[in-house]
Structures are given as C-alpha cells and as structure tokens.
Amino acid sequence: LKTQKRTKIKQHFRFDPAMRLDFFDLQLFINILSTGSLTKGAERSAISLQAASERIKKLEHHFEVNLFTRHATGVKATLAGQTFAEHAQHLLQQQQQLQQAMLPFAHSATSNIILWCNSSAQSEYLPHLLPQYLMENPKIHIELKEAETNDIIQALSTGTAQLGLISGFFDAGQLETQEFAEDPLVLICPSQHPLATAAQLELGELLQHPFVGLMQYHSLQQSIEAQAKRLGCDIHYRLRVPNFAAIAQVVANGVGIAIIPKRAALRLKAQYDFQQIELLGKWANRKLLLAARCFDQLPVDYQRFSQFLLSQHDQLIAH
C-alpha cells in the first residue's frame, strides 16, 4: 500500500514532457508582473489579452501552481509566482549573455539594440543622432520603445530592458545614470495672452490660467501636476491631447497655455504662432539621463552605443 501511495504521489507531480517552456513566456510573465496587469503585460509583449491569458494558464498547468492572484485592480504574484519570477529573470539574462557570446561566431550577423525612451527623447533628440550611428554601423538595428519614465525605470530594474533614456525628475533607484542632455521645460501661450510679454515666470504665476496638457498617463504631465500640488493648487485643463504638436496647435488657436520641452517648442515655433517663455525653478530645468542597471555589464554593442550617445552632448546643444 505504501509503495502504491508513493507511486501515486510521484505521478501527481510529473510534468508534461510535451510542454515547451520558451523565453517569450518568461518575458510575458515578467511584463505582467512589472505592470501589475494582464492587459498591460499583453500589450507590452505585443500579443492579445486572450493569447497572454492562455500562455499563463499553460504555465500554471505545467507547474501545477497558481502564479498570480487576480483582483479588481489587476494581478499580484503568489509566493510561487515570486519564485518563478526570480528564476525567469535569471534565465532571460542568461539568454541575452548566450546571444552575445555567439555573435563573434555568426556569419554576417546583425545586432539588435532596443532603446527605451520617453517621448521627449524619441521626438526631439534621437532623430538627430541615430542616422549617423546607423550609417557607421550597417549591421546594427535599433528599435526605439517609447514608454513613460516610471515604466522605463521599472523595466530596467527588473531586467526587461537593458538601456533607457529617462527624465532626471524621477528617482532612478539603484540604476546607474549618466547625463545625456539638458531638457528644460518652457511655457507656451497664445501671442495675445496676458502672459505673452513676460521674460520669465514661476509656476505659481501660471496656475490661475487654463491649460492644454498631455494625457493623464503621461509622466511629464504628472510631474507638472506634482509641482502644482506642492503649491496647494490643481491645474485646470481645457483640453488634453496626445503629443506636443497637438498642444502647440491648440495653444496657437488661443485655447490655453501649456508647458512642454524647450526643444519641442523651438521645433514647433516654425509651424504655429505662439510665445515661448522661460520657466524658473529646478523642476523646470530637467535633464535627460541614460540609464542601465550596470553599464560595464551591458553587452558590447550596447556599451558602444551608450558611449556614442553620451559623446553627442555638444552636437545636441548645437541643434
């Protein structure tokens, strides 16, 4: 009887040999865990919600555990899920190391670099720099992944991302950072607005006026709102739009005022009629930072790309 009992227990924990555990599923799990949402994790992994759900269910069935607890606001890892996450991150890092180690042996190999960046870096800085680097390195492919600064910091911290450009306004935690570029904020307002003749302004002088802003999830808008709350005020929005060009167009039409990166204002001034005014305060004189968990441990291609980006500071000032 004891022998039969032991046999049944052994059979109960036998894994399905037909189940293939691939790195995509590991990354999907990490994406869901880092976002706290099955929907957002699926979006970050570029698959449908149904496909993501099915993949997670297969993992849970394979290991005979629940990896997540579902609740109204999202998902949280169970104790088994936390353990799974530690091993998944380790395996994903080993995969990246293996790919890097095999590059010297590949014939006509190309290298893919994924740079996570906020909207300001993507639209105002990188278009000036990347063509030169790509022309000088024909076997390098670069993918820009736009995300909010908080999401980039989270992705770098968990190993989902290797390199990112973030706003210096946010706490980077244990990440290593180096200054990439100055990215000050300015006020733009209609040409006939009462503030249009000012040379410099404090945030407190703006808050009685209606604003045009980015969408609520945008980290730039969140940082501006945080500064307003420190002054005991809320920002009144007449309209929220998805990008800087839309903001400039709406402001030029007289709807309200807005705070955007200086570099975006300079670019858009040629298209739209608005006034640009300097903002005072450390919060407005922000910087863009290049961030990684450890620059010295990045793959060689990422290290070279990082060195190139950091060497372009003078060229960015000239533009």
Protein backbone atom coordinates (compact mmCIF):
# COMPACT_ATOMS: atom_id res chain seq x y z
CA LEU A 1 0.00 0.00 0.00
CA LYS A 2 2.84 2.40 0.89
CA THR A 3 4.52 1.60 -2.43
CA GLN A 4 1.30 2.37 -4.31
CA LYS A 5 0.88 5.62 -2.38
CA ARG A 6 4.42 6.72 -3.22
CA THR A 7 3.82 5.89 -6.88
CA LYS A 8 0.64 7.99 -6.97
CA ILE A 9 2.40 10.98 -5.42
CA LYS A 10 5.25 10.68 -7.88
CA GLN A 11 2.84 10.55 -10.81
CA HIS A 12 0.91 13.56 -9.48
CA PHE A 13 3.99 15.81 -9.74
CA ARG A 14 5.21 14.51 -13.09
CA PHE A 15 5.48 17.41 -15.58
CA ASP A 16 4.12 17.19 -19.08
CA PRO A 17 7.14 16.44 -21.34
CA ALA A 18 5.27 17.86 -24.34
CA MET A 19 5.14 21.29 -22.70
CA ARG A 20 7.79 23.61 -24.13
CA LEU A 21 8.87 26.48 -21.88
CA ASP A 22 10.09 29.27 -24.14
CA PHE A 23 11.69 32.61 -23.37
CA PHE A 24 8.71 34.51 -24.74
CA ASP A 25 6.52 33.07 -21.97
CA LEU A 26 9.12 34.03 -19.37
CA GLN A 27 9.23 37.60 -20.67
CA LEU A 28 5.43 37.73 -20.82
CA PHE A 29 5.28 36.70 -17.17
CA ILE A 30 7.79 39.41 -16.20
CA ASN A 31 5.85 42.03 -18.18
CA ILE A 32 2.60 41.12 -16.42
CA LEU A 33 4.32 41.15 -13.03
CA SER A 34 6.02 44.53 -13.59
CA THR A 35 2.83 46.22 -14.82
CA GLY A 36 0.51 44.51 -12.33
CA SER A 37 -1.92 43.89 -15.17
CA LEU A 38 -2.57 41.04 -17.57
CA THR A 39 -3.83 43.56 -20.15
CA LYS A 40 -0.78 45.85 -19.91
CA GLY A 41 1.57 42.86 -19.85
CA ALA A 42 -0.02 41.56 -23.04
CA GLU A 43 0.32 44.99 -24.68
CA ARG A 44 3.98 45.23 -23.71
CA SER A 45 4.52 41.74 -25.17
CA ALA A 46 2.63 42.69 -28.36
CA ILE A 47 0.08 39.88 -28.12
CA SER A 48 -3.65 39.76 -27.48
CA LEU A 49 -5.11 39.53 -24.00
CA GLN A 50 -6.60 36.12 -24.81
CA ALA A 51 -3.27 34.75 -26.02
CA ALA A 52 -1.50 36.06 -22.93
CA SER A 53 -4.11 34.51 -20.64
CA GLU A 54 -3.79 31.14 -22.38
CA ARG A 55 0.01 31.18 -22.11
CA ILE A 56 -0.10 31.93 -18.38
CA LYS A 57 -2.69 29.19 -17.84
CA LYS A 58 -0.40 26.70 -19.61
CA LEU A 59 2.47 27.71 -17.33
CA GLU A 60 0.29 27.26 -14.27
CA HIS A 61 -0.96 23.91 -15.52
CA HIS A 62 2.57 22.75 -16.30
CA PHE A 63 3.93 23.58 -12.85
CA GLU A 64 0.63 22.81 -11.07
CA VAL A 65 0.66 26.14 -9.21
CA ASN A 66 -1.10 29.48 -9.30
CA LEU A 67 1.37 32.14 -10.39
CA PHE A 68 -0.96 35.11 -9.90
CA THR A 69 -3.87 36.13 -7.75
CA ARG A 70 -6.49 38.10 -9.67
CA HIS A 71 -8.24 41.09 -8.10
CA ALA A 72 -10.25 44.10 -9.22
CA THR A 73 -7.27 46.38 -9.94
CA GLY A 74 -5.00 43.82 -11.57
CA VAL A 75 -2.86 40.84 -10.60
CA LYS A 76 -0.23 40.06 -7.95
CA ALA A 77 2.30 37.27 -7.85
CA THR A 78 1.71 34.42 -5.44
CA LEU A 79 4.63 33.04 -3.44
CA ALA A 80 5.12 30.53 -6.25
CA GLY A 81 4.95 33.39 -8.75
CA GLN A 82 7.63 35.33 -6.89
CA THR A 83 9.93 32.33 -7.00
CA PHE A 84 9.12 31.81 -10.68
CA ALA A 85 10.00 35.49 -11.34
CA GLU A 86 13.46 35.14 -9.80
CA HIS A 87 14.31 32.15 -12.00
CA ALA A 88 12.67 33.69 -15.10
CA GLN A 89 14.78 36.84 -14.80
CA HIS A 90 17.91 34.74 -14.35
CA LEU A 91 17.10 32.66 -17.44
CA LEU A 92 16.35 35.75 -19.54
CA GLN A 93 19.67 37.29 -18.54
CA GLN A 94 21.44 34.04 -19.42
CA GLN A 95 19.71 34.04 -22.80
CA GLN A 96 21.00 37.55 -23.52
CA GLN A 97 24.50 36.53 -22.44
CA LEU A 98 24.37 33.47 -24.67
CA GLN A 99 23.25 35.51 -27.68
CA GLN A 100 26.06 37.98 -27.08
CA ALA A 101 28.62 35.18 -26.73
CA MET A 102 27.58 33.65 -30.06
CA LEU A 103 27.80 36.90 -32.06
CA PRO A 104 31.53 36.57 -32.90
CA PHE A 105 30.86 33.16 -34.47
CA ALA A 106 27.93 34.28 -36.61
CA HIS A 107 28.40 34.97 -40.32
CA SER A 108 27.16 38.40 -41.43
CA ALA A 109 25.46 38.69 -38.05
CA THR A 110 23.35 41.71 -37.26
CA SER A 111 22.85 43.06 -33.77
CA ASN A 112 19.56 44.38 -32.43
CA ILE A 113 19.59 47.15 -29.84
CA ILE A 114 16.40 48.12 -28.02
CA LEU A 115 16.48 51.60 -26.51
CA TRP A 116 13.63 52.50 -24.18
CA CYS A 117 12.96 56.24 -24.18
CA ASN A 118 10.42 58.82 -23.11
CA SER A 119 8.52 60.90 -25.67
CA SER A 120 10.85 63.89 -25.44
CA ALA A 121 13.95 61.80 -26.19
CA GLN A 122 12.22 59.99 -29.03
CA SER A 123 10.81 63.01 -30.84
CA GLU A 124 13.33 65.76 -30.06
CA TYR A 125 16.77 64.20 -29.69
CA LEU A 126 17.23 60.77 -31.21
CA PRO A 127 16.17 61.67 -34.80
CA HIS A 128 19.24 63.93 -34.99
CA LEU A 129 21.66 61.29 -33.72
CA LEU A 130 20.66 57.83 -34.88
CA PRO A 131 21.12 58.23 -38.66
CA GLN A 132 24.84 58.88 -38.14
CA TYR A 133 25.27 55.85 -35.92
CA LEU A 134 23.33 53.56 -38.23
CA MET A 135 25.31 54.66 -41.27
CA GLU A 136 28.57 53.99 -39.45
CA ASN A 137 27.34 50.62 -38.16
CA PRO A 138 25.46 48.89 -41.01
CA LYS A 139 24.96 45.63 -39.06
CA ILE A 140 23.25 47.36 -36.13
CA HIS A 141 19.47 47.52 -35.95
CA ILE A 142 17.92 49.88 -33.39
CA GLU A 143 14.38 49.65 -32.04
CA LEU A 144 13.01 52.61 -30.09
CA LYS A 145 10.48 51.62 -27.46
CA GLU A 146 8.58 54.67 -26.20
CA ALA A 147 7.39 54.45 -22.61
CA GLU A 148 6.79 56.60 -19.55
CA THR A 149 9.85 57.25 -17.37
CA ASN A 150 8.44 55.27 -14.43
CA ASP A 151 7.84 52.28 -16.71
CA ILE A 152 11.37 52.53 -18.12
CA ILE A 153 12.87 52.59 -14.62
CA GLN A 154 10.80 49.53 -13.73
CA ALA A 155 11.80 47.68 -16.91
CA LEU A 156 15.50 48.41 -16.34
CA SER A 157 15.30 47.40 -12.68
CA THR A 158 13.71 44.03 -13.48
CA GLY A 159 15.96 43.28 -16.46
CA THR A 160 13.18 43.60 -19.04
CA ALA A 161 15.13 46.48 -20.62
CA GLN A 162 18.88 46.98 -20.81
CA LEU A 163 19.21 50.66 -21.76
CA GLY A 164 16.87 53.62 -21.40
CA LEU A 165 16.61 57.40 -21.60
CA ILE A 166 14.67 58.81 -18.66
CA SER A 167 13.76 62.16 -17.14
CA GLY A 168 16.02 63.23 -14.30
CA PHE A 169 12.93 64.40 -12.40
CA PHE A 170 12.21 60.82 -11.29
CA ASP A 171 14.06 58.68 -8.74
CA ALA A 172 16.10 56.09 -10.64
CA GLY A 173 16.57 53.90 -7.56
CA GLN A 174 19.59 51.59 -7.83
CA LEU A 175 20.14 52.21 -11.54
CA GLU A 176 23.32 53.75 -12.89
CA THR A 177 22.68 57.01 -14.74
CA GLN A 178 24.73 59.42 -16.84
CA GLU A 179 23.66 62.80 -18.19
CA PHE A 180 22.62 62.62 -21.83
CA ALA A 181 21.18 66.09 -22.48
CA GLU A 182 19.61 69.12 -20.87
CA ASP A 183 15.85 69.08 -21.42
CA PRO A 184 14.36 72.25 -19.87
CA LEU A 185 10.65 72.99 -19.88
CA VAL A 186 9.12 76.24 -21.14
CA LEU A 187 5.71 77.84 -21.16
CA ILE A 188 3.98 78.40 -24.49
CA CYS A 189 0.94 80.67 -24.75
CA PRO A 190 -1.11 82.41 -27.45
CA SER A 191 0.52 85.55 -28.86
CA GLN A 192 -2.22 87.79 -27.38
CA HIS A 193 -2.27 86.13 -23.97
CA PRO A 194 -1.71 88.26 -20.81
CA LEU A 195 1.47 86.27 -20.07
CA ALA A 196 2.92 86.67 -23.57
CA THR A 197 5.15 89.65 -22.73
CA ALA A 198 6.83 88.06 -19.70
CA ALA A 199 10.50 87.09 -19.95
CA GLN A 200 10.47 84.57 -17.08
CA LEU A 201 7.74 83.06 -14.94
CA GLU A 202 7.31 80.95 -11.82
CA LEU A 203 4.84 78.08 -11.88
CA GLY A 204 2.68 79.81 -9.28
CA GLU A 205 2.06 82.67 -11.70
CA LEU A 206 0.51 80.30 -14.26
CA LEU A 207 -1.98 78.29 -12.26
CA GLN A 208 -4.87 80.75 -12.48
CA HIS A 209 -4.92 80.26 -16.26
CA PRO A 210 -6.50 77.30 -18.14
CA PHE A 211 -4.05 74.73 -19.50
CA VAL A 212 -3.71 72.47 -22.51
CA GLY A 213 -1.95 69.27 -21.47
CA LEU A 214 -0.87 65.79 -22.41
CA MET A 215 -2.98 62.75 -21.50
CA GLN A 216 -3.26 61.83 -17.82
CA TYR A 217 -0.89 58.84 -18.03
CA HIS A 218 1.98 60.93 -19.39
CA SER A 219 4.85 61.25 -16.90
CA LEU A 220 5.65 64.83 -17.95
CA GLN A 221 2.12 65.94 -17.12
CA GLN A 222 2.23 64.04 -13.84
CA SER A 223 5.44 65.80 -12.81
CA ILE A 224 3.95 69.24 -13.60
CA GLU A 225 0.83 68.39 -11.60
CA ALA A 226 3.00 67.25 -8.68
CA GLN A 227 4.73 70.65 -8.65
CA ALA A 228 1.36 72.41 -8.68
CA LYS A 229 0.15 70.34 -5.71
CA ARG A 230 3.23 71.39 -3.75
CA LEU A 231 1.92 74.94 -4.17
CA GLY A 232 -1.51 73.82 -2.96
CA CYS A 233 -3.08 74.15 -6.41
CA ASP A 234 -4.61 71.97 -9.10
CA ILE A 235 -4.19 72.55 -12.83
CA HIS A 236 -7.37 73.32 -14.74
CA TYR A 237 -7.31 71.66 -18.17
CA ARG A 238 -9.45 72.80 -21.04
CA LEU A 239 -8.14 70.03 -23.27
CA ARG A 240 -5.77 67.06 -23.16
CA VAL A 241 -4.08 65.83 -26.33
CA PRO A 242 -1.62 63.02 -27.13
CA ASN A 243 1.54 64.87 -28.27
CA PHE A 244 3.48 68.14 -28.35
CA ALA A 245 2.47 69.06 -31.91
CA ALA A 246 -1.22 68.88 -30.98
CA ILE A 247 -0.55 71.00 -27.90
CA ALA A 248 1.19 73.68 -29.97
CA GLN A 249 -1.65 73.81 -32.47
CA VAL A 250 -4.34 74.15 -29.78
CA VAL A 251 -2.36 76.80 -27.88
CA ALA A 252 -1.78 78.79 -31.07
CA ASN A 253 -5.55 78.82 -31.59
CA GLY A 254 -5.99 80.55 -28.23
CA VAL A 255 -7.45 77.73 -26.12
CA GLY A 256 -4.97 77.90 -23.23
CA ILE A 257 -1.35 77.76 -22.09
CA ALA A 258 0.94 74.72 -21.88
CA ILE A 259 4.28 73.50 -20.54
CA ILE A 260 6.40 71.49 -22.98
CA PRO A 261 10.12 70.75 -23.53
CA LYS A 262 12.05 73.74 -24.87
CA ARG A 263 13.41 71.70 -27.76
CA ALA A 264 9.87 70.79 -28.87
CA ALA A 265 8.80 74.43 -28.63
CA LEU A 266 11.71 75.55 -30.82
CA ARG A 267 10.86 72.92 -33.43
CA LEU A 268 7.13 73.72 -33.47
CA LYS A 269 7.53 77.52 -33.46
CA ALA A 270 8.11 77.40 -37.21
CA GLN A 271 4.66 75.87 -37.71
CA TYR A 272 2.49 77.56 -35.08
CA ASP A 273 2.14 81.10 -33.77
CA PHE A 274 2.74 81.12 -30.00
CA GLN A 275 5.02 82.82 -27.47
CA GLN A 276 7.70 80.88 -25.59
CA ILE A 277 8.60 81.92 -22.03
CA GLU A 278 11.35 80.63 -19.73
CA LEU A 279 10.25 78.86 -16.54
CA LEU A 280 12.12 79.35 -13.27
CA GLY A 281 12.81 76.59 -10.78
CA LYS A 282 14.90 73.44 -10.57
CA TRP A 283 11.92 71.28 -11.54
CA ALA A 284 11.73 73.02 -14.96
CA ASN A 285 15.46 72.74 -15.69
CA ARG A 286 15.33 68.99 -16.03
CA LYS A 287 17.83 66.67 -17.67
CA LEU A 288 17.61 63.52 -19.75
CA LEU A 289 19.62 60.65 -18.30
CA LEU A 290 20.93 57.49 -19.92
CA ALA A 291 20.22 54.65 -17.51
CA ALA A 292 21.17 50.99 -17.09
CA ARG A 293 21.48 48.52 -14.24
CA CYS A 294 25.26 48.45 -14.77
CA PHE A 295 26.90 49.99 -17.84
CA ASP A 296 30.01 47.80 -17.50
CA GLN A 297 27.88 44.64 -17.67
CA LEU A 298 25.97 45.60 -20.80
CA PRO A 299 26.57 43.57 -23.98
CA VAL A 300 29.40 45.01 -26.07
CA ASP A 301 27.09 46.52 -28.71
CA TYR A 302 25.05 48.26 -26.01
CA GLN A 303 28.22 49.60 -24.41
CA ARG A 304 29.42 51.08 -27.69
CA PHE A 305 26.01 52.58 -28.39
CA SER A 306 25.94 54.10 -24.89
CA GLN A 307 29.35 55.67 -25.45
CA PHE A 308 28.15 57.14 -28.74
CA LEU A 309 25.03 58.67 -27.17
CA LEU A 310 26.98 60.21 -24.32
CA SER A 311 29.56 61.66 -26.72
CA GLN A 312 26.91 63.65 -28.60
CA HIS A 313 26.20 66.25 -25.91
CA ASP A 314 27.86 69.12 -27.81
CA GLN A 315 26.05 68.23 -31.05
CA LEU A 316 22.68 68.29 -29.26
CA ILE A 317 23.38 71.78 -27.94
CA ALA A 318 24.17 72.97 -31.47
CA HIS A 319 20.77 71.84 -32.82
